[in-house]
Amino acid sequence: MPKFYARRRLSILAALTGLIASVGLLNGPSASAALPTPVSAATARTYLASLTVATENRTGYSRDLFPTWITISGTCNTREYILKRDGTNVVTDSACAATSGSWYSPYDGATWTAASDLDIDHLVPLAEAWDSGASKWTTAQRQSFANDITRPQLLAVTDNVNQSKGDQDPSTWVPSRSAYVCTYVRAWVQVKYYYNLSVDSAEKSALTSYLSGC
């Protein structure tokens, strides 16, 4: 190919790339963004070593103490934002509710085309956070945790898988899709480290074991 045409082709490709990027910015989060990439396994191991080991205490816990699904942007609340972020070809109505799209659940490998089949999982469950330090937080701090779209804490997954997980930590539950376990435990440790939450001994042992294989 003559150099002139090669340069012209590259110029056109660059222009198209810029256009695609600008459209993405206008339309909000990219459909392929999914969970924010967690820290590396090496960093997670360092973080885990620094976490306080303590017995958990659920006294006084209520989900209502963690206000969820606050407005993130325009008419979109946290759930709607994550559904749009994690899905493909997501179409929303004027209230930001997803009317169509496709969602891949990384926990079990299932794909869904109805938003009603998805839960937004708190990777570190709210009750687990309470048990390991959030009981001492203000309501505003708990609200920030429950709606954190910056850390790898929220993601769209198959609803009954999320329900089977419940409030369990990695000593008793990790995703059934083995290819995602490393991502999951790296994210778990990053969230706990960022929020200065403790771990119990069984939890730390399980995380140490999983991270050693990452």
C-alpha atoms as a PDB file:
ATOM      1  CA  MET A   1       0.000   0.000   0.000  1.00  0.00           C
ATOM      2  CA  PRO A   2       1.435   3.464  -0.953  1.00  0.00           C
ATOM      3  CA  LYS A   3       2.511   5.551   2.042  1.00  0.00           C
ATOM      4  CA  PHE A   4      -0.035   8.288   1.239  1.00  0.00           C
ATOM      5  CA  TYR A   5      -2.952   5.870   1.449  1.00  0.00           C
ATOM      6  CA  ALA A   6      -1.528   4.189   4.531  1.00  0.00           C
ATOM      7  CA  ARG A   7      -1.292   7.560   6.310  1.00  0.00           C
ATOM      8  CA  ARG A   8      -4.787   8.485   5.180  1.00  0.00           C
ATOM      9  CA  ARG A   9      -6.163   5.187   6.442  1.00  0.00           C
ATOM     10  CA  LEU A  10      -4.521   5.699   9.824  1.00  0.00           C
ATOM     11  CA  SER A  11      -5.937   9.222   9.960  1.00  0.00           C
ATOM     12  CA  ILE A  12      -9.451   7.953   9.279  1.00  0.00           C
ATOM     13  CA  LEU A  13      -9.076   5.232  11.916  1.00  0.00           C
ATOM     14  CA  ALA A  14      -7.893   7.794  14.465  1.00  0.00           C
ATOM     15  CA  ALA A  15     -10.854  10.028  13.702  1.00  0.00           C
ATOM     16  CA  LEU A  16     -13.286   7.126  14.074  1.00  0.00           C
ATOM     17  CA  THR A  17     -11.675   6.105  17.377  1.00  0.00           C
ATOM     18  CA  GLY A  18     -12.073   9.648  18.684  1.00  0.00           C
ATOM     19  CA  LEU A  19     -15.704   9.740  17.573  1.00  0.00           C
ATOM     20  CA  ILE A  20     -16.459   6.438  19.298  1.00  0.00           C
ATOM     21  CA  ALA A  21     -14.796   7.661  22.497  1.00  0.00           C
ATOM     22  CA  SER A  22     -16.776  10.909  22.450  1.00  0.00           C
ATOM     23  CA  VAL A  23     -20.045   9.028  21.944  1.00  0.00           C
ATOM     24  CA  GLY A  24     -19.160   6.844  24.915  1.00  0.00           C
ATOM     25  CA  LEU A  25     -18.615   9.906  27.080  1.00  0.00           C
ATOM     26  CA  LEU A  26     -21.939  11.381  26.038  1.00  0.00           C
ATOM     27  CA  ASN A  27     -23.845   8.175  26.677  1.00  0.00           C
ATOM     28  CA  GLY A  28     -22.391   7.542  30.118  1.00  0.00           C
ATOM     29  CA  PRO A  29     -20.565   4.402  31.319  1.00  0.00           C
ATOM     30  CA  SER A  30     -19.300   1.954  28.722  1.00  0.00           C
ATOM     31  CA  ALA A  31     -21.346  -1.223  28.423  1.00  0.00           C
ATOM     32  CA  SER A  32     -18.184  -3.302  28.642  1.00  0.00           C
ATOM     33  CA  ALA A  33     -16.789  -1.535  31.718  1.00  0.00           C
ATOM     34  CA  ALA A  34     -18.241  -3.972  34.281  1.00  0.00           C
ATOM     35  CA  LEU A  35     -16.494  -4.225  37.650  1.00  0.00           C
ATOM     36  CA  PRO A  36     -13.689  -1.682  38.129  1.00  0.00           C
ATOM     37  CA  THR A  37     -10.446  -3.659  37.817  1.00  0.00           C
ATOM     38  CA  PRO A  38      -9.295  -4.666  41.298  1.00  0.00           C
ATOM     39  CA  VAL A  39      -5.725  -4.463  42.546  1.00  0.00           C
ATOM     40  CA  SER A  40      -3.221  -7.152  41.546  1.00  0.00           C
ATOM     41  CA  ALA A  41      -2.893 -10.354  43.539  1.00  0.00           C
ATOM     42  CA  ALA A  42       0.468  -9.173  44.888  1.00  0.00           C
ATOM     43  CA  THR A  43      -1.061  -5.909  46.107  1.00  0.00           C
ATOM     44  CA  ALA A  44      -4.047  -7.772  47.527  1.00  0.00           C
ATOM     45  CA  ARG A  45      -1.713 -10.036  49.501  1.00  0.00           C
ATOM     46  CA  THR A  46       0.037  -6.962  50.910  1.00  0.00           C
ATOM     47  CA  TYR A  47      -3.298  -5.362  51.788  1.00  0.00           C
ATOM     48  CA  LEU A  48      -4.567  -8.553  53.421  1.00  0.00           C
ATOM     49  CA  ALA A  49      -1.489  -8.811  55.622  1.00  0.00           C
ATOM     50  CA  SER A  50      -2.236  -5.354  57.025  1.00  0.00           C
ATOM     51  CA  LEU A  51      -5.906  -5.948  57.851  1.00  0.00           C
ATOM     52  CA  THR A  52      -6.937  -6.317  61.481  1.00  0.00           C
ATOM     53  CA  VAL A  53      -8.086  -9.827  62.413  1.00  0.00           C
ATOM     54  CA  ALA A  54     -11.092  -9.671  64.718  1.00  0.00           C
ATOM     55  CA  THR A  55     -14.183 -11.637  65.714  1.00  0.00           C
ATOM     56  CA  GLU A  56     -17.296 -10.464  63.886  1.00  0.00           C
ATOM     57  CA  ASN A  57     -20.255  -8.966  65.704  1.00  0.00           C
ATOM     58  CA  ARG A  58     -23.642  -8.508  64.026  1.00  0.00           C
ATOM     59  CA  THR A  59     -25.399  -6.981  67.034  1.00  0.00           C
ATOM     60  CA  GLY A  60     -27.715  -4.163  65.965  1.00  0.00           C
ATOM     61  CA  TYR A  61     -27.455  -4.784  62.215  1.00  0.00           C
ATOM     62  CA  SER A  62     -30.253  -3.671  59.901  1.00  0.00           C
ATOM     63  CA  ARG A  63     -30.039  -3.278  56.135  1.00  0.00           C
ATOM     64  CA  ASP A  64     -31.924   0.006  56.558  1.00  0.00           C
ATOM     65  CA  LEU A  65     -28.779   1.428  58.172  1.00  0.00           C
ATOM     66  CA  PHE A  66     -27.174   1.336  54.710  1.00  0.00           C
ATOM     67  CA  PRO A  67     -29.284   3.584  52.435  1.00  0.00           C
ATOM     68  CA  THR A  68     -29.108   2.065  48.956  1.00  0.00           C
ATOM     69  CA  TRP A  69     -29.814   3.107  45.393  1.00  0.00           C
ATOM     70  CA  ILE A  70     -29.255   6.818  45.702  1.00  0.00           C
ATOM     71  CA  THR A  71     -29.330   9.098  42.650  1.00  0.00           C
ATOM     72  CA  ILE A  72     -26.037   8.876  40.761  1.00  0.00           C
ATOM     73  CA  SER A  73     -26.723  11.046  37.721  1.00  0.00           C
ATOM     74  CA  GLY A  74     -29.865  12.628  36.306  1.00  0.00           C
ATOM     75  CA  THR A  75     -32.708  10.176  36.868  1.00  0.00           C
ATOM     76  CA  CYS A  76     -30.379   7.183  37.301  1.00  0.00           C
ATOM     77  CA  ASN A  77     -29.984   5.577  40.708  1.00  0.00           C
ATOM     78  CA  THR A  78     -27.169   3.219  41.689  1.00  0.00           C
ATOM     79  CA  ARG A  79     -28.902   0.049  40.480  1.00  0.00           C
ATOM     80  CA  GLU A  80     -29.755   1.591  37.130  1.00  0.00           C
ATOM     81  CA  TYR A  81     -26.229   2.970  36.729  1.00  0.00           C
ATOM     82  CA  ILE A  82     -24.657  -0.459  37.339  1.00  0.00           C
ATOM     83  CA  LEU A  83     -27.108  -2.186  34.996  1.00  0.00           C
ATOM     84  CA  LYS A  84     -26.158   0.252  32.262  1.00  0.00           C
ATOM     85  CA  ARG A  85     -22.450  -0.067  33.044  1.00  0.00           C
ATOM     86  CA  ASP A  86     -22.402  -3.864  33.133  1.00  0.00           C
ATOM     87  CA  GLY A  87     -24.739  -4.568  30.223  1.00  0.00           C
ATOM     88  CA  THR A  88     -24.434  -4.607  26.461  1.00  0.00           C
ATOM     89  CA  ASN A  89     -26.702  -2.527  24.204  1.00  0.00           C
ATOM     90  CA  VAL A  90     -28.707  -1.372  27.207  1.00  0.00           C
ATOM     91  CA  VAL A  91     -31.704   0.814  26.360  1.00  0.00           C
ATOM     92  CA  THR A  92     -33.303   2.869  29.119  1.00  0.00           C
ATOM     93  CA  ASP A  93     -36.531   4.842  29.371  1.00  0.00           C
ATOM     94  CA  SER A  94     -36.932   8.426  30.592  1.00  0.00           C
ATOM     95  CA  ALA A  95     -36.790   7.198  34.202  1.00  0.00           C
ATOM     96  CA  CYS A  96     -33.467   5.396  33.482  1.00  0.00           C
ATOM     97  CA  ALA A  97     -35.045   1.928  33.871  1.00  0.00           C
ATOM     98  CA  ALA A  98     -33.467  -0.640  31.537  1.00  0.00           C
ATOM     99  CA  THR A  99     -36.033  -1.734  28.949  1.00  0.00           C
ATOM    100  CA  SER A 100     -33.725  -4.003  26.950  1.00  0.00           C
ATOM    101  CA  GLY A 101     -30.155  -5.195  26.805  1.00  0.00           C
ATOM    102  CA  SER A 102     -27.961  -8.175  27.572  1.00  0.00           C
ATOM    103  CA  TRP A 103     -26.109  -8.955  30.789  1.00  0.00           C
ATOM    104  CA  TYR A 104     -23.403 -11.525  31.462  1.00  0.00           C
ATOM    105  CA  SER A 105     -23.159 -12.662  35.074  1.00  0.00           C
ATOM    106  CA  PRO A 106     -19.468 -13.320  35.864  1.00  0.00           C
ATOM    107  CA  TYR A 107     -20.303 -15.388  38.955  1.00  0.00           C
ATOM    108  CA  ASP A 108     -22.006 -18.212  37.056  1.00  0.00           C
ATOM    109  CA  GLY A 109     -21.478 -17.466  33.361  1.00  0.00           C
ATOM    110  CA  ALA A 110     -25.173 -16.956  32.621  1.00  0.00           C
ATOM    111  CA  THR A 111     -26.464 -14.361  30.147  1.00  0.00           C
ATOM    112  CA  TRP A 112     -29.757 -12.544  30.681  1.00  0.00           C
ATOM    113  CA  THR A 113     -31.882 -10.230  28.546  1.00  0.00           C
ATOM    114  CA  ALA A 114     -34.250  -8.967  31.255  1.00  0.00           C
ATOM    115  CA  ALA A 115     -33.007  -6.576  33.924  1.00  0.00           C
ATOM    116  CA  SER A 116     -35.383  -8.227  36.403  1.00  0.00           C
ATOM    117  CA  ASP A 117     -33.164 -11.333  36.328  1.00  0.00           C
ATOM    118  CA  LEU A 118     -30.240  -9.356  37.735  1.00  0.00           C
ATOM    119  CA  ASP A 119     -29.374  -8.302  41.265  1.00  0.00           C
ATOM    120  CA  ILE A 120     -26.746  -5.704  42.028  1.00  0.00           C
ATOM    121  CA  ASP A 121     -24.410  -7.534  44.357  1.00  0.00           C
ATOM    122  CA  HIS A 122     -22.537  -5.771  47.124  1.00  0.00           C
ATOM    123  CA  LEU A 123     -19.364  -7.801  46.701  1.00  0.00           C
ATOM    124  CA  VAL A 124     -18.542  -7.231  50.364  1.00  0.00           C
ATOM    125  CA  PRO A 125     -22.080  -7.642  51.761  1.00  0.00           C
ATOM    126  CA  LEU A 126     -23.595  -4.911  53.888  1.00  0.00           C
ATOM    127  CA  ALA A 127     -23.974  -7.225  56.883  1.00  0.00           C
ATOM    128  CA  GLU A 128     -20.348  -8.326  56.502  1.00  0.00           C
ATOM    129  CA  ALA A 129     -19.271  -4.695  56.506  1.00  0.00           C
ATOM    130  CA  TRP A 130     -21.312  -4.091  59.643  1.00  0.00           C
ATOM    131  CA  ASP A 131     -19.713  -7.093  61.324  1.00  0.00           C
ATOM    132  CA  SER A 132     -16.217  -5.867  60.539  1.00  0.00           C
ATOM    133  CA  GLY A 133     -16.343  -2.189  61.403  1.00  0.00           C
ATOM    134  CA  ALA A 134     -19.213  -0.364  59.693  1.00  0.00           C
ATOM    135  CA  SER A 135     -21.280  -0.492  62.877  1.00  0.00           C
ATOM    136  CA  LYS A 136     -19.125   2.423  64.042  1.00  0.00           C
ATOM    137  CA  TRP A 137     -19.710   4.496  60.904  1.00  0.00           C
ATOM    138  CA  THR A 138     -22.146   7.331  60.387  1.00  0.00           C
ATOM    139  CA  THR A 139     -25.194   6.784  58.184  1.00  0.00           C
ATOM    140  CA  ALA A 140     -23.547   8.934  55.506  1.00  0.00           C
ATOM    141  CA  GLN A 141     -20.467   6.686  55.511  1.00  0.00           C
ATOM    142  CA  ARG A 142     -22.631   3.573  55.241  1.00  0.00           C
ATOM    143  CA  GLN A 143     -24.553   5.156  52.366  1.00  0.00           C
ATOM    144  CA  SER A 144     -21.289   5.831  50.536  1.00  0.00           C
ATOM    145  CA  PHE A 145     -20.241   2.214  50.997  1.00  0.00           C
ATOM    146  CA  ALA A 146     -23.598   0.856  49.821  1.00  0.00           C
ATOM    147  CA  ASN A 147     -23.488   2.939  46.634  1.00  0.00           C
ATOM    148  CA  ASP A 148     -19.758   2.846  45.824  1.00  0.00           C
ATOM    149  CA  ILE A 149     -19.372   2.852  42.032  1.00  0.00           C
ATOM    150  CA  THR A 150     -15.644   3.647  42.169  1.00  0.00           C
ATOM    151  CA  ARG A 151     -14.244   0.642  44.024  1.00  0.00           C
ATOM    152  CA  PRO A 152     -14.836  -2.955  42.772  1.00  0.00           C
ATOM    153  CA  GLN A 153     -17.818  -3.338  45.104  1.00  0.00           C
ATOM    154  CA  LEU A 154     -20.967  -3.389  42.952  1.00  0.00           C
ATOM    155  CA  LEU A 155     -21.790  -5.585  39.955  1.00  0.00           C
ATOM    156  CA  ALA A 156     -24.796  -7.056  38.159  1.00  0.00           C
ATOM    157  CA  VAL A 157     -25.163 -10.815  38.654  1.00  0.00           C
ATOM    158  CA  THR A 158     -27.827 -13.514  38.386  1.00  0.00           C
ATOM    159  CA  ASP A 159     -30.404 -12.771  41.064  1.00  0.00           C
ATOM    160  CA  ASN A 160     -30.686 -16.238  42.613  1.00  0.00           C
ATOM    161  CA  VAL A 161     -26.886 -16.577  42.704  1.00  0.00           C
ATOM    162  CA  ASN A 162     -26.673 -13.338  44.642  1.00  0.00           C
ATOM    163  CA  GLN A 163     -29.409 -14.549  46.967  1.00  0.00           C
ATOM    164  CA  SER A 164     -27.589 -17.848  47.571  1.00  0.00           C
ATOM    165  CA  LYS A 165     -24.446 -15.898  48.442  1.00  0.00           C
ATOM    166  CA  GLY A 166     -26.334 -13.835  50.996  1.00  0.00           C
ATOM    167  CA  ASP A 167     -23.996 -12.364  53.622  1.00  0.00           C
ATOM    168  CA  GLN A 168     -21.265 -14.999  53.299  1.00  0.00           C
ATOM    169  CA  ASP A 169     -17.562 -14.205  53.143  1.00  0.00           C
ATOM    170  CA  PRO A 170     -14.996 -16.139  51.046  1.00  0.00           C
ATOM    171  CA  SER A 171     -14.494 -18.760  53.755  1.00  0.00           C
ATOM    172  CA  THR A 172     -17.908 -20.177  52.818  1.00  0.00           C
ATOM    173  CA  TRP A 173     -18.714 -18.707  49.377  1.00  0.00           C
ATOM    174  CA  VAL A 174     -16.916 -17.735  46.189  1.00  0.00           C
ATOM    175  CA  PRO A 175     -18.303 -17.650  42.628  1.00  0.00           C
ATOM    176  CA  SER A 176     -18.965 -21.074  41.100  1.00  0.00           C
ATOM    177  CA  ARG A 177     -17.210 -19.917  37.918  1.00  0.00           C
ATOM    178  CA  SER A 178     -13.614 -20.658  38.882  1.00  0.00           C
ATOM    179  CA  ALA A 179     -12.193 -18.231  36.298  1.00  0.00           C
ATOM    180  CA  TYR A 180     -13.640 -15.348  38.308  1.00  0.00           C
ATOM    181  CA  VAL A 181     -12.495 -16.362  41.797  1.00  0.00           C
ATOM    182  CA  CYS A 182      -9.192 -14.469  41.632  1.00  0.00           C
ATOM    183  CA  THR A 183     -10.936 -11.288  40.511  1.00  0.00           C
ATOM    184  CA  TYR A 184     -13.478 -11.740  43.302  1.00  0.00           C
ATOM    185  CA  VAL A 185     -11.007 -12.184  46.160  1.00  0.00           C
ATOM    186  CA  ARG A 186      -8.743  -9.383  44.900  1.00  0.00           C
ATOM    187  CA  ALA A 187     -11.759  -7.079  44.848  1.00  0.00           C
ATOM    188  CA  TRP A 188     -12.872  -8.273  48.294  1.00  0.00           C
ATOM    189  CA  VAL A 189      -9.513  -7.442  49.860  1.00  0.00           C
ATOM    190  CA  GLN A 190      -9.300  -4.084  48.083  1.00  0.00           C
ATOM    191  CA  VAL A 191     -12.713  -3.010  49.392  1.00  0.00           C
ATOM    192  CA  LYS A 192     -11.955  -4.155  52.934  1.00  0.00           C
ATOM    193  CA  TYR A 193      -8.601  -2.378  52.862  1.00  0.00           C
ATOM    194  CA  TYR A 194     -10.021   0.864  51.467  1.00  0.00           C
ATOM    195  CA  TYR A 195     -12.740   0.994  54.139  1.00  0.00           C
ATOM    196  CA  ASN A 196     -10.441  -0.208  56.935  1.00  0.00           C
ATOM    197  CA  LEU A 197     -12.634  -3.202  57.693  1.00  0.00           C
ATOM    198  CA  SER A 198     -11.390  -6.180  59.668  1.00  0.00           C
ATOM    199  CA  VAL A 199     -11.359  -9.852  58.684  1.00  0.00           C
ATOM    200  CA  ASP A 200     -12.058 -12.870  60.859  1.00  0.00           C
ATOM    201  CA  SER A 201      -9.560 -15.721  61.038  1.00  0.00           C
ATOM    202  CA  ALA A 202     -11.458 -18.111  58.727  1.00  0.00           C
ATOM    203  CA  GLU A 203     -11.965 -15.339  56.186  1.00  0.00           C
ATOM    204  CA  LYS A 204      -8.271 -14.409  56.217  1.00  0.00           C
ATOM    205  CA  SER A 205      -7.222 -18.038  55.857  1.00  0.00           C
ATOM    206  CA  ALA A 206      -9.510 -18.514  52.846  1.00  0.00           C
ATOM    207  CA  LEU A 207      -8.380 -15.279  51.189  1.00  0.00           C
ATOM    208  CA  THR A 208      -4.723 -16.188  51.745  1.00  0.00           C
ATOM    209  CA  SER A 209      -5.299 -19.577  50.126  1.00  0.00           C
ATOM    210  CA  TYR A 210      -7.146 -18.195  47.091  1.00  0.00           C
ATOM    211  CA  LEU A 211      -4.656 -15.382  46.546  1.00  0.00           C
ATOM    212  CA  SER A 212      -1.721 -17.789  46.628  1.00  0.00           C
ATOM    213  CA  GLY A 213      -3.108 -19.362  43.473  1.00  0.00           C
ATOM    214  CA  CYS A 214      -3.748 -16.085  41.642  1.00  0.00           C
END
